[in-house]
Protein backbone atom coordinates (compact mmCIF):
# COMPACT_ATOMS: atom_id res chain seq x y z
CA MET A 1 15.36 -3.80 -13.12
CA ALA A 2 17.02 -2.29 -9.90
CA GLY A 3 13.82 -2.77 -7.94
CA LYS A 4 13.29 -6.36 -9.10
CA LYS A 5 14.99 -8.30 -6.01
CA ILE A 6 15.09 -5.52 -3.25
CA SER A 7 12.79 -6.88 -0.86
CA ILE A 8 11.92 -7.27 2.93
CA LYS A 9 11.23 -10.50 4.80
CA LEU A 10 7.97 -10.26 6.44
CA SER A 11 7.24 -12.11 10.16
CA SER A 12 5.37 -14.98 8.22
CA GLY A 13 8.57 -16.03 6.53
CA CYS A 14 7.68 -14.28 2.98
CA GLU A 15 9.23 -11.95 1.15
CA MET A 16 8.02 -8.66 0.08
CA PRO A 17 9.45 -6.24 -2.46
CA LEU A 18 10.29 -2.95 -1.06
CA ILE A 19 8.37 -1.26 -3.83
CA GLY A 20 5.11 -2.25 -5.33
CA LEU A 21 2.65 -0.80 -8.16
CA GLY A 22 -0.24 0.78 -6.53
CA THR A 23 -3.57 0.58 -8.68
CA TYR A 24 -5.94 3.00 -6.99
CA ALA A 25 -7.77 5.41 -9.14
CA ARG A 26 -10.43 8.14 -8.59
CA LYS A 27 -11.10 7.87 -12.24
CA ALA A 28 -9.82 5.88 -14.81
CA ASP A 29 -10.55 3.47 -17.93
CA PRO A 30 -10.46 -0.19 -17.07
CA ALA A 31 -7.96 -0.59 -19.81
CA GLN A 32 -5.64 1.81 -17.71
CA PHE A 33 -5.53 -0.55 -15.03
CA ARG A 34 -4.62 -3.59 -17.08
CA GLU A 35 -1.98 -1.56 -19.09
CA ALA A 36 -0.33 -0.36 -15.99
CA VAL A 37 0.06 -3.52 -14.32
CA GLU A 38 1.61 -4.97 -17.87
CA TRP A 39 4.31 -1.75 -17.88
CA GLY A 40 4.92 -2.23 -14.34
CA ILE A 41 5.79 -5.97 -14.62
CA ASP A 42 7.87 -5.01 -17.76
CA ALA A 43 9.46 -2.47 -15.81
CA GLY A 44 10.79 -4.70 -13.08
CA TYR A 45 7.89 -4.37 -10.49
CA ARG A 46 6.97 -7.92 -8.90
CA HIS A 47 4.73 -6.42 -6.19
CA ILE A 48 1.02 -5.37 -7.29
CA ASP A 49 -1.48 -3.84 -4.84
CA THR A 50 -4.85 -3.60 -5.44
CA ALA A 51 -8.11 -3.99 -3.30
CA SER A 52 -11.81 -5.00 -3.86
CA SER A 53 -13.04 -1.58 -3.37
CA TYR A 54 -10.97 -0.26 -6.11
CA LYS A 55 -13.09 -2.22 -8.52
CA ASN A 56 -10.22 -3.10 -10.65
CA GLU A 57 -9.18 -6.67 -9.64
CA GLU A 58 -10.39 -7.97 -12.81
CA GLU A 59 -8.29 -5.91 -14.94
CA VAL A 60 -5.21 -6.00 -12.83
CA GLY A 61 -5.72 -9.98 -12.72
CA GLU A 62 -5.99 -9.35 -16.83
CA GLY A 63 -2.51 -7.57 -16.62
CA ILE A 64 -0.81 -10.39 -14.31
CA ALA A 65 -2.35 -13.32 -16.71
CA ASN A 66 -1.32 -11.52 -20.00
CA LYS A 67 2.69 -11.37 -18.68
CA ILE A 68 2.33 -14.96 -17.22
CA LYS A 69 1.26 -16.11 -20.67
CA GLN A 70 4.04 -14.11 -22.21
CA GLY A 71 6.65 -15.79 -20.38
CA ILE A 72 7.85 -12.48 -18.76
CA VAL A 73 6.98 -13.79 -15.27
CA LYS A 74 5.74 -17.01 -13.38
CA ARG A 75 3.26 -16.66 -10.53
CA GLU A 76 5.92 -17.38 -7.92
CA ASP A 77 7.99 -14.36 -9.18
CA LEU A 78 5.02 -12.38 -8.05
CA PHE A 79 3.78 -10.63 -4.74
CA ILE A 80 0.32 -9.82 -5.18
CA THR A 81 -1.76 -7.79 -2.39
CA THR A 82 -5.53 -7.25 -2.27
CA LYS A 83 -7.76 -5.98 0.67
CA LEU A 84 -11.06 -6.97 2.28
CA TRP A 85 -13.68 -3.87 1.88
CA ASN A 86 -15.59 -3.05 5.28
CA ASP A 87 -18.94 -4.54 4.25
CA CYS A 88 -17.37 -8.12 4.84
CA HIS A 89 -16.32 -7.85 8.23
CA GLY A 90 -18.14 -10.53 9.69
CA GLU A 91 -15.64 -13.75 10.22
CA LYS A 92 -17.97 -15.74 7.97
CA ASP A 93 -17.82 -13.32 5.45
CA VAL A 94 -13.98 -12.68 5.01
CA ILE A 95 -13.52 -16.09 3.10
CA PRO A 96 -16.14 -15.65 0.67
CA ALA A 97 -15.01 -12.18 -0.15
CA LEU A 98 -11.32 -13.22 -0.76
CA LYS A 99 -12.73 -16.02 -3.12
CA GLU A 100 -14.37 -13.29 -5.00
CA SER A 101 -11.36 -11.57 -5.32
CA LEU A 102 -9.57 -14.48 -6.24
CA LYS A 103 -12.18 -15.08 -8.76
CA ARG A 104 -11.71 -11.71 -10.36
CA LEU A 105 -7.75 -11.60 -10.22
CA LYS A 106 -7.72 -15.31 -11.74
CA LEU A 107 -5.79 -16.40 -9.04
CA ASP A 108 -5.45 -19.45 -6.36
CA TYR A 109 -4.12 -17.42 -3.66
CA VAL A 110 -2.76 -13.97 -2.94
CA ASP A 111 0.31 -13.05 -1.14
CA LEU A 112 -1.20 -10.86 1.17
CA TYR A 113 -4.70 -9.93 2.30
CA LEU A 114 -5.28 -6.83 4.20
CA ILE A 115 -8.35 -5.75 6.44
CA HIS A 116 -8.45 -2.53 4.56
CA TRP A 117 -9.99 -0.21 7.24
CA PRO A 118 -10.89 -1.03 10.89
CA VAL A 119 -14.44 0.31 10.56
CA SER A 120 -17.28 -1.96 9.47
CA VAL A 121 -20.33 -0.98 7.21
CA ASN A 122 -23.12 -2.40 5.36
CA ASN A 123 -23.76 -1.92 1.75
CA LYS A 124 -25.59 1.18 2.66
CA GLY A 125 -22.72 2.68 4.29
CA GLU A 126 -24.13 2.36 7.90
CA ASP A 127 -22.01 1.70 10.98
CA MET A 128 -22.07 -2.38 11.63
CA LYS A 129 -19.94 -2.12 14.56
CA ILE A 130 -18.26 -5.48 14.16
CA ASP A 131 -15.14 -5.77 16.27
CA PHE A 132 -12.23 -6.18 13.97
CA LEU A 133 -10.97 -9.18 16.35
CA GLU A 134 -13.69 -10.73 14.72
CA THR A 135 -12.68 -10.02 11.13
CA TRP A 136 -9.21 -10.86 12.01
CA ARG A 137 -10.29 -14.12 13.12
CA GLY A 138 -11.77 -14.69 9.27
CA MET A 139 -8.39 -13.56 8.06
CA GLU A 140 -6.65 -16.40 10.07
CA ALA A 141 -8.97 -18.80 8.51
CA ALA A 142 -8.12 -17.64 5.31
CA VAL A 143 -4.31 -18.45 5.94
CA LYS A 144 -5.35 -21.76 7.09
CA GLU A 145 -7.24 -22.62 3.78
CA GLY A 146 -4.27 -21.79 1.95
CA LEU A 147 -5.95 -18.84 0.14
CA VAL A 148 -3.37 -16.30 1.40
CA ARG A 149 0.10 -16.46 2.44
CA SER A 150 0.39 -13.51 4.55
CA ILE A 151 -2.38 -11.40 6.36
CA GLY A 152 -2.08 -7.71 7.55
CA ILE A 153 -4.00 -4.59 8.23
CA SER A 154 -4.31 -0.99 6.72
CA ASN A 155 -5.32 2.17 8.44
CA PHE A 156 -4.93 0.93 11.97
CA ASN A 157 -3.57 3.21 14.76
CA GLU A 158 -1.54 2.39 17.53
CA LEU A 159 -4.39 1.38 20.11
CA GLN A 160 -6.28 -0.55 17.55
CA LEU A 161 -2.85 -2.45 16.71
CA THR A 162 -2.10 -3.02 20.27
CA ARG A 163 -5.45 -4.38 20.99
CA LEU A 164 -5.08 -7.02 17.90
CA LEU A 165 -1.49 -8.11 18.95
CA LYS A 166 -2.94 -9.16 22.09
CA SER A 167 -5.45 -11.58 20.35
CA ALA A 168 -4.05 -12.72 17.31
CA ILE A 169 -2.60 -16.23 16.53
CA ASN A 170 -1.12 -15.14 13.13
CA LYS A 171 0.51 -11.64 13.60
CA PRO A 172 -0.48 -8.91 10.99
CA VAL A 173 2.81 -8.68 8.67
CA VAL A 174 2.28 -5.28 7.62
CA ASN A 175 0.27 -2.00 8.38
CA GLN A 176 -0.58 -0.08 5.24
CA ILE A 177 -0.79 3.40 6.13
CA GLU A 178 -0.62 6.93 4.71
CA ILE A 179 3.16 7.89 5.10
CA ASN A 180 5.14 10.83 2.95
CA PRO A 181 6.88 13.83 3.57
CA THR A 182 3.99 15.95 4.58
CA LEU A 183 2.60 13.10 6.87
CA THR A 184 5.59 11.05 8.22
CA GLN A 185 4.19 9.04 10.87
CA HIS A 186 7.18 8.50 13.03
CA LYS A 187 5.56 7.48 16.06
CA LEU A 188 3.31 4.92 14.34
CA VAL A 189 5.94 3.68 11.83
CA GLU A 190 8.67 3.00 15.00
CA PHE A 191 5.77 1.20 16.68
CA CYS A 192 5.09 -1.19 13.98
CA LYS A 193 9.11 -1.85 13.87
CA LYS A 194 9.11 -2.74 17.24
CA HIS A 195 6.42 -5.46 16.58
CA SER A 196 8.16 -6.63 13.76
CA ILE A 197 5.36 -5.37 11.49
CA VAL A 198 6.57 -3.85 8.17
CA PRO A 199 5.06 0.09 7.87
CA VAL A 200 3.82 0.09 3.98
CA ALA A 201 3.25 3.67 2.72
CA TYR A 202 0.45 4.29 0.46
CA THR A 203 -0.10 7.86 -0.99
CA PRO A 204 3.89 8.02 -0.49
CA LEU A 205 4.27 11.16 -2.50
CA GLY A 206 1.73 12.96 -0.59
CA LEU A 207 1.54 16.64 -1.88
CA ILE A 208 3.96 16.21 -4.71
CA SER A 209 1.65 14.35 -6.74
CA GLU A 210 -1.43 15.92 -5.23
CA ALA A 211 -3.02 18.99 -7.13
CA ARG A 212 -6.65 19.22 -5.56
CA PRO A 213 -7.81 22.96 -4.71
CA GLU A 214 -8.20 22.09 -1.39
CA PHE A 215 -4.44 21.71 -1.03
CA ASN A 216 -3.57 25.17 -2.06
CA GLY A 217 -1.01 26.94 0.25
CA LYS A 218 -0.02 23.34 1.39
CA ASP A 219 2.20 22.38 -1.70
CA ILE A 220 5.48 24.12 -0.60
CA ILE A 221 7.16 20.66 -1.46
CA LYS A 222 6.35 20.88 -5.23
CA THR A 223 8.39 24.34 -5.33
CA ASP A 224 10.94 24.56 -2.43
CA PRO A 225 14.49 25.20 -3.99
CA LYS A 226 15.94 22.87 -1.19
CA LEU A 227 14.36 19.68 -2.73
CA GLY A 228 14.99 20.76 -5.97
CA GLU A 229 18.65 20.83 -5.12
CA ILE A 230 18.81 17.48 -3.83
CA ALA A 231 16.81 16.07 -6.82
CA ASP A 232 19.31 18.04 -9.14
CA LYS A 233 22.17 16.40 -7.33
CA TYR A 234 21.22 12.68 -7.88
CA LYS A 235 19.40 13.78 -11.25
CA LYS A 236 16.24 12.48 -9.92
CA THR A 237 12.40 13.81 -9.64
CA ARG A 238 11.30 15.13 -6.75
CA ALA A 239 8.92 12.26 -6.50
CA GLN A 240 11.94 9.84 -6.74
CA ILE A 241 13.63 11.76 -3.83
CA ALA A 242 10.62 11.30 -1.49
CA LEU A 243 10.33 7.75 -2.31
CA ARG A 244 14.05 7.30 -1.61
CA TYR A 245 13.41 8.84 1.60
CA LEU A 246 10.66 6.17 2.66
CA ILE A 247 12.95 3.37 1.59
CA GLN A 248 15.78 4.75 3.74
CA ARG A 249 13.37 4.85 6.84
CA GLY A 250 12.69 1.11 6.11
CA ILE A 251 9.28 1.65 4.71
CA ALA A 252 8.00 -0.18 1.82
CA VAL A 253 6.06 1.87 -0.86
CA VAL A 254 3.40 1.61 -3.19
CA PRO A 255 3.12 4.53 -5.35
CA LYS A 256 0.39 4.66 -8.41
CA SER A 257 0.72 5.88 -11.81
CA PHE A 258 -0.71 5.38 -15.21
CA THR A 259 1.78 6.95 -16.91
CA LYS A 260 4.47 4.51 -18.52
CA SER A 261 7.43 6.81 -17.54
CA ARG A 262 6.35 7.55 -14.00
CA ILE A 263 5.95 3.95 -13.51
CA GLU A 264 9.72 3.06 -14.58
CA GLU A 265 10.88 6.44 -12.98
CA ASN A 266 9.28 5.39 -9.54
CA LEU A 267 11.19 2.07 -9.54
CA ASN A 268 14.15 3.74 -10.15
CA ILE A 269 15.31 4.83 -6.80
CA PHE A 270 17.97 2.17 -5.74
CA ASP A 271 21.31 3.59 -7.43
CA PHE A 272 21.62 6.66 -4.94
CA GLU A 273 21.43 7.27 -1.12
CA LEU A 274 20.42 10.43 0.78
CA ASN A 275 22.64 11.61 3.21
CA LYS A 276 21.64 12.41 6.91
CA GLN A 277 21.18 15.94 6.39
CA GLU A 278 19.39 15.38 3.01
CA MET A 279 17.14 13.15 5.06
CA SER A 280 16.20 15.67 7.49
CA VAL A 281 15.45 18.19 4.65
CA VAL A 282 12.62 15.67 3.26
CA ASP A 283 11.62 15.18 6.98
CA SER A 284 10.99 18.72 7.62
CA TYR A 285 8.07 19.04 5.01
CA ASN A 286 6.04 17.46 7.36
CA ILE A 287 2.65 19.03 8.51
CA ASP A 288 0.75 16.40 9.66
CA HIS A 289 -1.60 16.39 6.79
CA ARG A 290 -3.70 13.33 5.52
CA CYS A 291 -4.16 13.12 1.71
CA VAL A 292 -6.95 10.42 2.58
CA PRO A 293 -8.52 11.61 5.85
CA GLY A 294 -11.12 9.05 5.44
CA THR A 295 -13.64 11.48 6.78
CA ILE A 296 -16.63 9.55 5.56
CA PHE A 297 -16.17 7.11 8.44
CA ALA A 298 -15.41 9.70 10.82
CA GLN A 299 -18.46 8.80 12.98
CA HIS A 300 -18.18 5.21 12.76
CA THR A 301 -16.83 2.84 15.27
CA ASN A 302 -13.16 2.42 15.09
CA TYR A 303 -12.44 5.30 13.03
CA PRO A 304 -8.68 5.46 13.11
CA PHE A 305 -7.94 9.22 12.69
């Protein structure tokens, strides 16, 4: 498949596929996670993105194991990302949490481990106020132990990233943040690139794929004829145009889907290129709207937004 070999070199020296399969879902049957991973690998995805908080590492691991057993892929062909949850931010808690993730995934190592949020909580959701610099020391220790190839962050803002870069021995290789046509994040994306940190877009389709009531009146991107014309020109969907827009900005993407046809469609974005005017059209949809505002952490130390 076209997406299989298209990758970007991380500052750690590892190669990361530019497009990954996201596996987060508010509600899904456990079998759906495994099925999506299997469909994704069959379609050509080689980057699978999960997290301990998604509660699906076991099923994701089963999907990966099944495809390795079938001889479709080898472990070294795959790039697996998972994330440290906010209740394991103590330096001594990082490696045990990672080992639990590895056990669930049935893997000896992951290719990328991320601090999911800069905030820290206990199991009751209370603010633990742990400095993410402490957490990062635990992440660096995980690299030394060979449990992970590369480490990075998610949902960090520019100030937090600046502070981390000053003290880190192993620099974060990516910052996984929400980026899409309605949240373009140009300033933070450019800051990351300036420091050789690859921006990775979660929720990369933004309001194209969201249909929740609170977004009423903000979903022009679903119906705007200009975007429809661009999609028609290339015989692509609006979602494919949005993903292509991000890839052309040098942003890696992890779209999620549990529908076989959409999983395949999301990967099929490397056979066309948007021109400058078309890029501007997609860029014009920005309204700085977060689909994932993380408001549950709004009163916590290090809330990034």
